[in-house]
PDB file of N, CA and C in Angstrom:
ATOM      1  N   UNK A   1      93.680-111.267  34.242  1.00  0.00           N
ATOM      2  CA  UNK A   1      94.587-110.416  34.987  1.00  0.00           C
ATOM      3  C   UNK A   1      95.862-111.139  35.376  1.00  0.00           C
ATOM      4  N   UNK A   2      95.781-112.418  35.564  1.00  0.00           N
ATOM      5  CA  UNK A   2      96.969-113.182  35.922  1.00  0.00           C
ATOM      6  C   UNK A   2      98.012-113.114  34.821  1.00  0.00           C
ATOM      7  N   UNK A   3      97.557-113.026  33.577  1.00  0.00           N
ATOM      8  CA  UNK A   3      98.490-112.937  32.463  1.00  0.00           C
ATOM      9  C   UNK A   3      99.255-111.626  32.520  1.00  0.00           C
ATOM     10  N   UNK A   4      98.578-110.530  32.810  1.00  0.00           N
ATOM     11  CA  UNK A   4      99.233-109.225  32.904  1.00  0.00           C
ATOM     12  C   UNK A   4     100.271-109.222  34.015  1.00  0.00           C
ATOM     13  N   UNK A   5      99.891-109.741  35.179  1.00  0.00           N
ATOM     14  CA  UNK A   5     100.836-109.800  36.293  1.00  0.00           C
ATOM     15  C   UNK A   5     102.035-110.664  35.962  1.00  0.00           C
ATOM     16  N   UNK A   6     101.788-111.776  35.291  1.00  0.00           N
ATOM     17  CA  UNK A   6     102.863-112.667  34.889  1.00  0.00           C
ATOM     18  C   UNK A   6     103.795-111.983  33.907  1.00  0.00           C
ATOM     19  N   UNK A   7     103.211-111.231  32.962  1.00  0.00           N
ATOM     20  CA  UNK A   7     104.020-110.505  31.987  1.00  0.00           C
ATOM     21  C   UNK A   7     104.887-109.461  32.677  1.00  0.00           C
ATOM     22  N   UNK A   8     104.319-108.742  33.640  1.00  0.00           N
ATOM     23  CA  UNK A   8     105.086-107.735  34.370  1.00  0.00           C
ATOM     24  C   UNK A   8     106.200-108.378  35.174  1.00  0.00           C
ATOM     25  N   UNK A   9     105.920-109.523  35.785  1.00  0.00           N
ATOM     26  CA  UNK A   9     106.942-110.229  36.550  1.00  0.00           C
ATOM     27  C   UNK A   9     108.064-110.659  35.632  1.00  0.00           C
ATOM     28  N   UNK A  10     107.705-111.181  34.460  1.00  0.00           N
ATOM     29  CA  UNK A  10     108.714-111.591  33.490  1.00  0.00           C
ATOM     30  C   UNK A  10     109.550-110.422  33.023  1.00  0.00           C
ATOM     31  N   UNK A  11     108.906-109.293  32.789  1.00  0.00           N
ATOM     32  CA  UNK A  11     109.627-108.106  32.350  1.00  0.00           C
ATOM     33  C   UNK A  11     110.546-107.601  33.459  1.00  0.00           C
ATOM     34  N   UNK A  12     110.080-107.654  34.702  1.00  0.00           N
ATOM     35  CA  UNK A  12     110.918-107.238  35.828  1.00  0.00           C
ATOM     36  C   UNK A  12     112.144-108.124  35.967  1.00  0.00           C
ATOM     37  N   UNK A  13     111.944-109.417  35.786  1.00  0.00           N
ATOM     38  CA  UNK A  13     113.072-110.350  35.861  1.00  0.00           C
ATOM     39  C   UNK A  13     114.062-110.084  34.738  1.00  0.00           C
ATOM     40  N   UNK A  14     113.547-109.777  33.545  1.00  0.00           N
ATOM     41  CA  UNK A  14     114.427-109.450  32.423  1.00  0.00           C
ATOM     42  C   UNK A  14     115.218-108.178  32.707  1.00  0.00           C
ATOM     43  N   UNK A  15     114.560-107.176  33.305  1.00  0.00           N
ATOM     44  CA  UNK A  15     115.244-105.928  33.657  1.00  0.00           C
ATOM     45  C   UNK A  15     116.372-106.174  34.642  1.00  0.00           C
ATOM     46  N   UNK A  16     116.089-106.984  35.675  1.00  0.00           N
ATOM     47  CA  UNK A  16     117.119-107.282  36.669  1.00  0.00           C
ATOM     48  C   UNK A  16     118.306-107.988  36.025  1.00  0.00           C
ATOM     49  N   UNK A  17     118.021-108.936  35.141  1.00  0.00           N
ATOM     50  CA  UNK A  17     119.089-109.669  34.466  1.00  0.00           C
ATOM     51  C   UNK A  17     119.934-108.720  33.613  1.00  0.00           C
ATOM     52  N   UNK A  18     119.260-107.824  32.882  1.00  0.00           N
ATOM     53  CA  UNK A  18     119.969-106.869  32.040  1.00  0.00           C
ATOM     54  C   UNK A  18     120.816-105.923  32.883  1.00  0.00           C
ATOM     55  N   UNK A  19     120.271-105.460  33.998  1.00  0.00           N
ATOM     56  CA  UNK A  19     121.003-104.551  34.865  1.00  0.00           C
ATOM     57  C   UNK A  19     122.228-105.234  35.459  1.00  0.00           C
ATOM     58  N   UNK A  20     122.090-106.513  35.821  1.00  0.00           N
ATOM     59  CA  UNK A  20     123.247-107.258  36.336  1.00  0.00           C
ATOM     60  C   UNK A  20     124.327-107.354  35.276  1.00  0.00           C
ATOM     61  N   UNK A  21     123.933-107.639  34.032  1.00  0.00           N
ATOM     62  CA  UNK A  21     124.921-107.735  32.955  1.00  0.00           C
ATOM     63  C   UNK A  21     125.576-106.386  32.710  1.00  0.00           C
ATOM     64  N   UNK A  22     124.776-105.302  32.776  1.00  0.00           N
ATOM     65  CA  UNK A  22     125.313-103.950  32.563  1.00  0.00           C
ATOM     66  C   UNK A  22     126.335-103.589  33.624  1.00  0.00           C
ATOM     67  N   UNK A  23     126.013-103.896  34.864  1.00  0.00           N
ATOM     68  CA  UNK A  23     126.845-103.440  35.968  1.00  0.00           C
ATOM     69  C   UNK A  23     127.967-104.397  36.311  1.00  0.00           C
ATOM     70  N   UNK A  24     128.000-105.576  35.705  1.00  0.00           N
ATOM     71  CA  UNK A  24     129.018-106.555  36.070  1.00  0.00           C
ATOM     72  C   UNK A  24     130.427-106.070  35.754  1.00  0.00           C
ATOM     73  N   UNK A  25     130.587-105.250  34.721  1.00  0.00           N
ATOM     74  CA  UNK A  25     131.910-104.760  34.371  1.00  0.00           C
ATOM     75  C   UNK A  25     132.256-103.441  35.017  1.00  0.00           C
ATOM     76  N   UNK A  26     131.316-102.862  35.734  1.00  0.00           N
ATOM     77  CA  UNK A  26     131.554-101.543  36.317  1.00  0.00           C
ATOM     78  C   UNK A  26     132.215-101.645  37.679  1.00  0.00           C
ATOM     79  N   UNK A  27     132.957-100.637  38.031  1.00  0.00           N
ATOM     80  CA  UNK A  27     133.531-100.548  39.362  1.00  0.00           C
ATOM     81  C   UNK A  27     134.845-101.291  39.529  1.00  0.00           C
ATOM     82  N   UNK A  28     135.336-101.915  38.496  1.00  0.00           N
ATOM     83  CA  UNK A  28     136.587-102.659  38.633  1.00  0.00           C
ATOM     84  C   UNK A  28     137.807-101.742  38.664  1.00  0.00           C
ATOM     85  N   UNK A  29     137.757-100.671  37.902  1.00  0.00           N
ATOM     86  CA  UNK A  29     138.897 -99.763  37.812  1.00  0.00           C
ATOM     87  C   UNK A  29     138.545 -98.416  38.408  1.00  0.00           C
ATOM     88  N   UNK A  30     137.988 -98.405  39.551  1.00  0.00           N
ATOM     89  CA  UNK A  30     137.489 -97.155  40.140  1.00  0.00           C
ATOM     90  C   UNK A  30     138.564 -96.085  40.252  1.00  0.00           C
ATOM     91  N   UNK A  31     139.794 -96.481  40.624  1.00  0.00           N
ATOM     92  CA  UNK A  31     140.846 -95.478  40.789  1.00  0.00           C
ATOM     93  C   UNK A  31     141.271 -94.862  39.468  1.00  0.00           C
ATOM     94  N   UNK A  32     141.098 -95.588  38.341  1.00  0.00           N
ATOM     95  CA  UNK A  32     141.518 -95.066  37.053  1.00  0.00           C
ATOM     96  C   UNK A  32     140.372 -94.398  36.302  1.00  0.00           C
ATOM     97  N   UNK A  33     139.138 -94.700  36.651  1.00  0.00           N
ATOM     98  CA  UNK A  33     137.979 -94.164  35.954  1.00  0.00           C
ATOM     99  C   UNK A  33     137.463 -92.901  36.611  1.00  0.00           C
ATOM    100  N   UNK A  34     136.335 -92.425  36.130  1.00  0.00           N
ATOM    101  CA  UNK A  34     135.740 -91.231  36.736  1.00  0.00           C
ATOM    102  C   UNK A  34     135.266 -91.541  38.148  1.00  0.00           C
ATOM    103  N   UNK A  35     135.163 -90.537  38.985  1.00  0.00           N
ATOM    104  CA  UNK A  35     134.730 -90.778  40.357  1.00  0.00           C
ATOM    105  C   UNK A  35     133.312 -91.322  40.394  1.00  0.00           C
ATOM    106  N   UNK A  36     132.997 -92.028  41.471  1.00  0.00           N
ATOM    107  CA  UNK A  36     131.653 -92.572  41.631  1.00  0.00           C
ATOM    108  C   UNK A  36     130.701 -91.484  42.080  1.00  0.00           C
ATOM    109  N   UNK A  37     130.485 -90.508  41.224  1.00  0.00           N
ATOM    110  CA  UNK A  37     129.697 -89.348  41.612  1.00  0.00           C
ATOM    111  C   UNK A  37     128.211 -89.478  41.284  1.00  0.00           C
ATOM    112  N   UNK A  38     127.797 -90.621  40.752  1.00  0.00           N
ATOM    113  CA  UNK A  38     126.370 -90.795  40.472  1.00  0.00           C
ATOM    114  C   UNK A  38     125.640 -90.974  41.806  1.00  0.00           C
ATOM    115  N   UNK A  39     124.632 -90.156  42.047  1.00  0.00           N
ATOM    116  CA  UNK A  39     123.903 -90.283  43.308  1.00  0.00           C
ATOM    117  C   UNK A  39     123.152 -91.615  43.382  1.00  0.00           C
ATOM    118  N   UNK A  40     122.764 -91.973  44.582  1.00  0.00           N
ATOM    119  CA  UNK A  40     122.029 -93.209  44.785  1.00  0.00           C
ATOM    120  C   UNK A  40     120.774 -93.194  43.905  1.00  0.00           C
ATOM    121  N   UNK A  41     120.507 -94.321  43.252  1.00  0.00           N
ATOM    122  CA  UNK A  41     119.347 -94.414  42.376  1.00  0.00           C
ATOM    123  C   UNK A  41     119.609 -93.913  40.968  1.00  0.00           C
ATOM    124  N   UNK A  42     120.867 -93.684  40.627  1.00  0.00           N
ATOM    125  CA  UNK A  42     121.259 -93.195  39.309  1.00  0.00           C
ATOM    126  C   UNK A  42     122.466 -94.000  38.816  1.00  0.00           C
ATOM    127  N   UNK A  43     122.743 -93.919  37.526  1.00  0.00           N
ATOM    128  CA  UNK A  43     123.932 -94.543  36.964  1.00  0.00           C
ATOM    129  C   UNK A  43     124.409 -93.705  35.782  1.00  0.00           C
ATOM    130  N   UNK A  44     125.656 -93.895  35.409  1.00  0.00           N
ATOM    131  CA  UNK A  44     126.255 -93.112  34.324  1.00  0.00           C
ATOM    132  C   UNK A  44     126.189 -93.884  33.014  1.00  0.00           C
ATOM    133  N   UNK A  45     125.939 -93.157  31.940  1.00  0.00           N
ATOM    134  CA  UNK A  45     126.024 -93.707  30.591  1.00  0.00           C
ATOM    135  C   UNK A  45     126.831 -92.743  29.731  1.00  0.00           C
ATOM    136  N   UNK A  46     127.382 -93.269  28.660  1.00  0.00           N
ATOM    137  CA  UNK A  46     128.157 -92.464  27.720  1.00  0.00           C
ATOM    138  C   UNK A  46     127.434 -92.502  26.381  1.00  0.00           C
ATOM    139  N   UNK A  47     127.266 -91.322  25.767  1.00  0.00           N
ATOM    140  CA  UNK A  47     126.404 -91.192  24.594  1.00  0.00           C
ATOM    141  C   UNK A  47     127.091 -90.375  23.511  1.00  0.00           C
ATOM    142  N   UNK A  48     126.849 -90.752  22.257  1.00  0.00           N
ATOM    143  CA  UNK A  48     127.286 -89.962  21.111  1.00  0.00           C
ATOM    144  C   UNK A  48     128.726 -90.185  20.721  1.00  0.00           C
ATOM    145  N   UNK A  49     129.102 -89.545  19.630  1.00  0.00           N
ATOM    146  CA  UNK A  49     130.453 -89.687  19.081  1.00  0.00           C
ATOM    147  C   UNK A  49     131.516 -89.197  20.069  1.00  0.00           C
ATOM    148  N   UNK A  50     131.194 -88.155  20.828  1.00  0.00           N
ATOM    149  CA  UNK A  50     132.145 -87.617  21.801  1.00  0.00           C
ATOM    150  C   UNK A  50     132.089 -88.306  23.150  1.00  0.00           C
ATOM    151  N   UNK A  51     131.254 -89.325  23.273  1.00  0.00           N
ATOM    152  CA  UNK A  51     131.081 -90.092  24.524  1.00  0.00           C
ATOM    153  C   UNK A  51     130.786 -89.167  25.713  1.00  0.00           C
ATOM    154  N   UNK A  52     129.794 -88.302  25.521  1.00  0.00           N
ATOM    155  CA  UNK A  52     129.368 -87.414  26.607  1.00  0.00           C
ATOM    156  C   UNK A  52     128.790 -88.251  27.739  1.00  0.00           C
ATOM    157  N   UNK A  53     129.104 -87.881  28.964  1.00  0.00           N
ATOM    158  CA  UNK A  53     128.665 -88.640  30.141  1.00  0.00           C
ATOM    159  C   UNK A  53     127.395 -88.028  30.706  1.00  0.00           C
ATOM    160  N   UNK A  54     126.399 -88.883  30.934  1.00  0.00           N
ATOM    161  CA  UNK A  54     125.128 -88.468  31.516  1.00  0.00           C
ATOM    162  C   UNK A  54     124.829 -89.318  32.743  1.00  0.00           C
ATOM    163  N   UNK A  55     124.220 -88.704  33.745  1.00  0.00           N
ATOM    164  CA  UNK A  55     123.761 -89.419  34.932  1.00  0.00           C
ATOM    165  C   UNK A  55     122.251 -89.623  34.766  1.00  0.00           C
ATOM    166  N   UNK A  56     121.828 -90.885  34.796  1.00  0.00           N
ATOM    167  CA  UNK A  56     120.447 -91.253  34.477  1.00  0.00           C
ATOM    168  C   UNK A  56     119.781 -91.893  35.687  1.00  0.00           C
ATOM    169  N   UNK A  57     118.533 -91.530  35.987  1.00  0.00           N
ATOM    170  CA  UNK A  57     117.811 -92.195  37.084  1.00  0.00           C
ATOM    171  C   UNK A  57     117.516 -93.656  36.737  1.00  0.00           C
ATOM    172  N   UNK A  58     117.605 -94.521  37.715  1.00  0.00           N
ATOM    173  CA  UNK A  58     117.334 -95.942  37.524  1.00  0.00           C
ATOM    174  C   UNK A  58     115.909 -96.158  37.020  1.00  0.00           C
ATOM    175  N   UNK A  59     115.001 -95.261  37.348  1.00  0.00           N
ATOM    176  CA  UNK A  59     113.605 -95.380  36.902  1.00  0.00           C
ATOM    177  C   UNK A  59     113.495 -95.445  35.379  1.00  0.00           C
ATOM    178  N   UNK A  60     114.463 -94.904  34.658  1.00  0.00           N
ATOM    179  CA  UNK A  60     114.432 -94.955  33.190  1.00  0.00           C
ATOM    180  C   UNK A  60     114.541 -96.378  32.664  1.00  0.00           C
ATOM    181  N   UNK A  61     115.053 -97.277  33.474  1.00  0.00           N
ATOM    182  CA  UNK A  61     115.196 -98.665  33.042  1.00  0.00           C
ATOM    183  C   UNK A  61     113.858 -99.327  32.756  1.00  0.00           C
ATOM    184  N   UNK A  62     112.783 -98.795  33.289  1.00  0.00           N
ATOM    185  CA  UNK A  62     111.454 -99.370  33.063  1.00  0.00           C
ATOM    186  C   UNK A  62     110.900 -99.028  31.679  1.00  0.00           C
ATOM    187  N   UNK A  63     111.441 -98.021  31.031  1.00  0.00           N
ATOM    188  CA  UNK A  63     110.939 -97.599  29.717  1.00  0.00           C
ATOM    189  C   UNK A  63     111.429 -98.559  28.636  1.00  0.00           C
ATOM    190  N   UNK A  64     110.515 -99.111  27.833  1.00  0.00           N
ATOM    191  CA  UNK A  64     110.908-100.037  26.762  1.00  0.00           C
ATOM    192  C   UNK A  64     111.919 -99.422  25.793  1.00  0.00           C
ATOM    193  N   UNK A  65     111.815 -98.132  25.554  1.00  0.00           N
ATOM    194  CA  UNK A  65     112.754 -97.467  24.644  1.00  0.00           C
ATOM    195  C   UNK A  65     114.175 -97.479  25.206  1.00  0.00           C
ATOM    196  N   UNK A  66     114.293 -97.281  26.515  1.00  0.00           N
ATOM    197  CA  UNK A  66     115.612 -97.304  27.142  1.00  0.00           C
ATOM    198  C   UNK A  66     116.149 -98.737  27.165  1.00  0.00           C
ATOM    199  N   UNK A  67     115.276 -99.698  27.417  1.00  0.00           N
ATOM    200  CA  UNK A  67     115.677-101.100  27.392  1.00  0.00           C
ATOM    201  C   UNK A  67     116.223-101.481  26.020  1.00  0.00           C
ATOM    202  N   UNK A  68     115.598-100.957  24.973  1.00  0.00           N
ATOM    203  CA  UNK A  68     116.066-101.238  23.618  1.00  0.00           C
ATOM    204  C   UNK A  68     117.465-100.658  23.403  1.00  0.00           C
ATOM    205  N   UNK A  69     117.722 -99.457  23.921  1.00  0.00           N
ATOM    206  CA  UNK A  69     119.076 -98.885  23.823  1.00  0.00           C
ATOM    207  C   UNK A  69     120.091 -99.774  24.536  1.00  0.00           C
ATOM    208  N   UNK A  70     119.705-100.314  25.694  1.00  0.00           N
ATOM    209  CA  UNK A  70     120.618-101.201  26.430  1.00  0.00           C
ATOM    210  C   UNK A  70     120.879-102.496  25.665  1.00  0.00           C
ATOM    211  N   UNK A  71     119.850-103.036  25.018  1.00  0.00           N
ATOM    212  CA  UNK A  71     120.046-104.252  24.210  1.00  0.00           C
ATOM    213  C   UNK A  71     121.026-103.987  23.070  1.00  0.00           C
ATOM    214  N   UNK A  72     120.841-102.834  22.407  1.00  0.00           N
ATOM    215  CA  UNK A  72     121.737-102.464  21.313  1.00  0.00           C
ATOM    216  C   UNK A  72     123.161-102.248  21.833  1.00  0.00           C
ATOM    217  N   UNK A  73     123.277-101.651  23.012  1.00  0.00           N
ATOM    218  CA  UNK A  73     124.599-101.430  23.607  1.00  0.00           C
ATOM    219  C   UNK A  73     125.285-102.765  23.876  1.00  0.00           C
ATOM    220  N   UNK A  74     124.524-103.719  24.384  1.00  0.00           N
ATOM    221  CA  UNK A  74     125.104-105.039  24.665  1.00  0.00           C
ATOM    222  C   UNK A  74     125.552-105.717  23.376  1.00  0.00           C
ATOM    223  N   UNK A  75     124.740-105.624  22.328  1.00  0.00           N
ATOM    224  CA  UNK A  75     125.100-106.234  21.047  1.00  0.00           C
ATOM    225  C   UNK A  75     126.346-105.588  20.449  1.00  0.00           C
ATOM    226  N   UNK A  76     126.393-104.262  20.508  1.00  0.00           N
ATOM    227  CA  UNK A  76     127.480-103.539  19.846  1.00  0.00           C
ATOM    228  C   UNK A  76     128.773-103.516  20.656  1.00  0.00           C
ATOM    229  N   UNK A  77     128.668-103.259  21.959  1.00  0.00           N
ATOM    230  CA  UNK A  77     129.861-103.069  22.778  1.00  0.00           C
ATOM    231  C   UNK A  77     130.061-104.162  23.825  1.00  0.00           C
ATOM    232  N   UNK A  78     128.984-104.819  24.223  1.00  0.00           N
ATOM    233  CA  UNK A  78     129.067-105.775  25.327  1.00  0.00           C
ATOM    234  C   UNK A  78     129.138-105.020  26.649  1.00  0.00           C
ATOM    235  N   UNK A  79     129.009-105.769  27.727  1.00  0.00           N
ATOM    236  CA  UNK A  79     129.055-105.149  29.048  1.00  0.00           C
ATOM    237  C   UNK A  79     130.251-105.642  29.851  1.00  0.00           C
ATOM    238  N   UNK A  80     131.111-106.453  29.260  1.00  0.00           N
ATOM    239  CA  UNK A  80     132.240-107.026  29.990  1.00  0.00           C
ATOM    240  C   UNK A  80     133.495-106.189  29.898  1.00  0.00           C
ATOM    241  N   UNK A  81     133.386-104.908  30.128  1.00  0.00           N
ATOM    242  CA  UNK A  81     134.561-104.031  30.100  1.00  0.00           C
ATOM    243  C   UNK A  81     134.431-102.991  31.206  1.00  0.00           C
ATOM    244  N   UNK A  82     135.480-102.232  31.420  1.00  0.00           N
ATOM    245  CA  UNK A  82     135.515-101.269  32.524  1.00  0.00           C
ATOM    246  C   UNK A  82     135.124 -99.850  32.125  1.00  0.00           C
ATOM    247  N   UNK A  83     134.633 -99.649  30.934  1.00  0.00           N
ATOM    248  CA  UNK A  83     134.405 -98.296  30.438  1.00  0.00           C
ATOM    249  C   UNK A  83     133.037 -97.733  30.787  1.00  0.00           C
ATOM    250  N   UNK A  84     132.185 -98.469  31.422  1.00  0.00           N
ATOM    251  CA  UNK A  84     130.841 -97.984  31.696  1.00  0.00           C
ATOM    252  C   UNK A  84     129.907 -98.359  30.571  1.00  0.00           C
ATOM    253  N   UNK A  85     128.676 -97.935  30.672  1.00  0.00           N
ATOM    254  CA  UNK A  85     127.675 -98.278  29.663  1.00  0.00           C
ATOM    255  C   UNK A  85     127.713 -97.220  28.571  1.00  0.00           C
ATOM    256  N   UNK A  86     128.036 -97.650  27.356  1.00  0.00           N
ATOM    257  CA  UNK A  86     128.063 -96.766  26.204  1.00  0.00           C
ATOM    258  C   UNK A  86     126.839 -97.072  25.360  1.00  0.00           C
ATOM    259  N   UNK A  87     126.004 -96.080  25.135  1.00  0.00           N
ATOM    260  CA  UNK A  87     124.792 -96.273  24.350  1.00  0.00           C
ATOM    261  C   UNK A  87     125.054 -95.925  22.891  1.00  0.00           C
ATOM    262  N   UNK A  88     124.660 -96.798  21.968  1.00  0.00           N
ATOM    263  CA  UNK A  88     124.939 -96.586  20.544  1.00  0.00           C
ATOM    264  C   UNK A  88     123.894 -95.704  19.865  1.00  0.00           C
ATOM    265  N   UNK A  89     123.880 -94.441  20.241  1.00  0.00           N
ATOM    266  CA  UNK A  89     122.955 -93.494  19.622  1.00  0.00           C
ATOM    267  C   UNK A  89     123.558 -92.099  19.735  1.00  0.00           C
ATOM    268  N   UNK A  90     122.980 -91.181  18.989  1.00  0.00           N
ATOM    269  CA  UNK A  90     123.445 -89.802  19.121  1.00  0.00           C
ATOM    270  C   UNK A  90     122.739 -89.141  20.308  1.00  0.00           C
ATOM    271  N   UNK A  91     123.210 -87.977  20.681  1.00  0.00           N
ATOM    272  CA  UNK A  91     122.670 -87.310  21.868  1.00  0.00           C
ATOM    273  C   UNK A  91     121.212 -86.893  21.694  1.00  0.00           C
ATOM    274  N   UNK A  92     120.809 -86.519  20.486  1.00  0.00           N
ATOM    275  CA  UNK A  92     119.418 -86.121  20.255  1.00  0.00           C
ATOM    276  C   UNK A  92     118.474 -87.308  20.491  1.00  0.00           C
ATOM    277  N   UNK A  93     118.859 -88.485  20.013  1.00  0.00           N
ATOM    278  CA  UNK A  93     118.052 -89.692  20.232  1.00  0.00           C
ATOM    279  C   UNK A  93     117.986 -90.017  21.714  1.00  0.00           C
ATOM    280  N   UNK A  94     119.118 -89.906  22.393  1.00  0.00           N
ATOM    281  CA  UNK A  94     119.165 -90.180  23.829  1.00  0.00           C
ATOM    282  C   UNK A  94     118.220 -89.248  24.592  1.00  0.00           C
ATOM    283  N   UNK A  95     118.240 -87.961  24.270  1.00  0.00           N
ATOM    284  CA  UNK A  95     117.360 -87.001  24.935  1.00  0.00           C
ATOM    285  C   UNK A  95     115.881 -87.322  24.663  1.00  0.00           C
ATOM    286  N   UNK A  96     115.584 -87.763  23.449  1.00  0.00           N
ATOM    287  CA  UNK A  96     114.209 -88.134  23.111  1.00  0.00           C
ATOM    288  C   UNK A  96     113.760 -89.343  23.922  1.00  0.00           C
ATOM    289  N   UNK A  97     114.637 -90.328  24.074  1.00  0.00           N
ATOM    290  CA  UNK A  97     114.312 -91.518  24.876  1.00  0.00           C
ATOM    291  C   UNK A  97     114.101 -91.123  26.337  1.00  0.00           C
ATOM    292  N   UNK A  98     114.949 -90.245  26.856  1.00  0.00           N
ATOM    293  CA  UNK A  98     114.782 -89.789  28.239  1.00  0.00           C
ATOM    294  C   UNK A  98     113.454 -89.050  28.421  1.00  0.00           C
ATOM    295  N   UNK A  99     113.066 -88.246  27.442  1.00  0.00           N
ATOM    296  CA  UNK A  99     111.801 -87.512  27.535  1.00  0.00           C
ATOM    297  C   UNK A  99     110.625 -88.490  27.563  1.00  0.00           C
ATOM    298  N   UNK A 100     110.686 -89.528  26.750  1.00  0.00           N
ATOM    299  CA  UNK A 100     109.632 -90.549  26.737  1.00  0.00           C
ATOM    300  C   UNK A 100     109.613 -91.296  28.068  1.00  0.00           C
ATOM    301  N   UNK A 101     110.796 -91.640  28.574  1.00  0.00           N
ATOM    302  CA  UNK A 101     110.889 -92.371  29.849  1.00  0.00           C
ATOM    303  C   UNK A 101     110.352 -91.528  30.995  1.00  0.00           C
ATOM    304  N   UNK A 102     110.537 -90.223  30.948  1.00  0.00           N
ATOM    305  CA  UNK A 102     110.081 -89.340  32.020  1.00  0.00           C
ATOM    306  C   UNK A 102     108.552 -89.242  32.055  1.00  0.00           C
ATOM    307  N   UNK A 103     107.931 -89.399  30.906  1.00  0.00           N
ATOM    308  CA  UNK A 103     106.472 -89.320  30.808  1.00  0.00           C
ATOM    309  C   UNK A 103     105.814 -90.548  31.442  1.00  0.00           C
ATOM    310  N   UNK A 104     106.465 -91.692  31.353  1.00  0.00           N
ATOM    311  CA  UNK A 104     105.880 -92.947  31.828  1.00  0.00           C
ATOM    312  C   UNK A 104     105.850 -93.014  33.309  1.00  0.00           C
TER     313      UNK A 104
END
């Protein structure tokens, strides 16, 4: 059982690190960007070719599928910009990941 707890702790630490990297570029240009209308416990992401904006619950960060989207976003776009988190997938894939995350 100690191994399972250790694995969960490691995964939690990885999530925190990823979230810090994601959010480090956010909030710098608040007056020029969209309003901070995401409710507490949520964050905004941009998805698809048209960069549609979605408000996502922080709880989705625990889903491995969502974590994989964030890893791909970091590889493709990086997190060191003021544009928010852009996920490199189409909207149908994003909705499927959200449905899986909601089940967990």
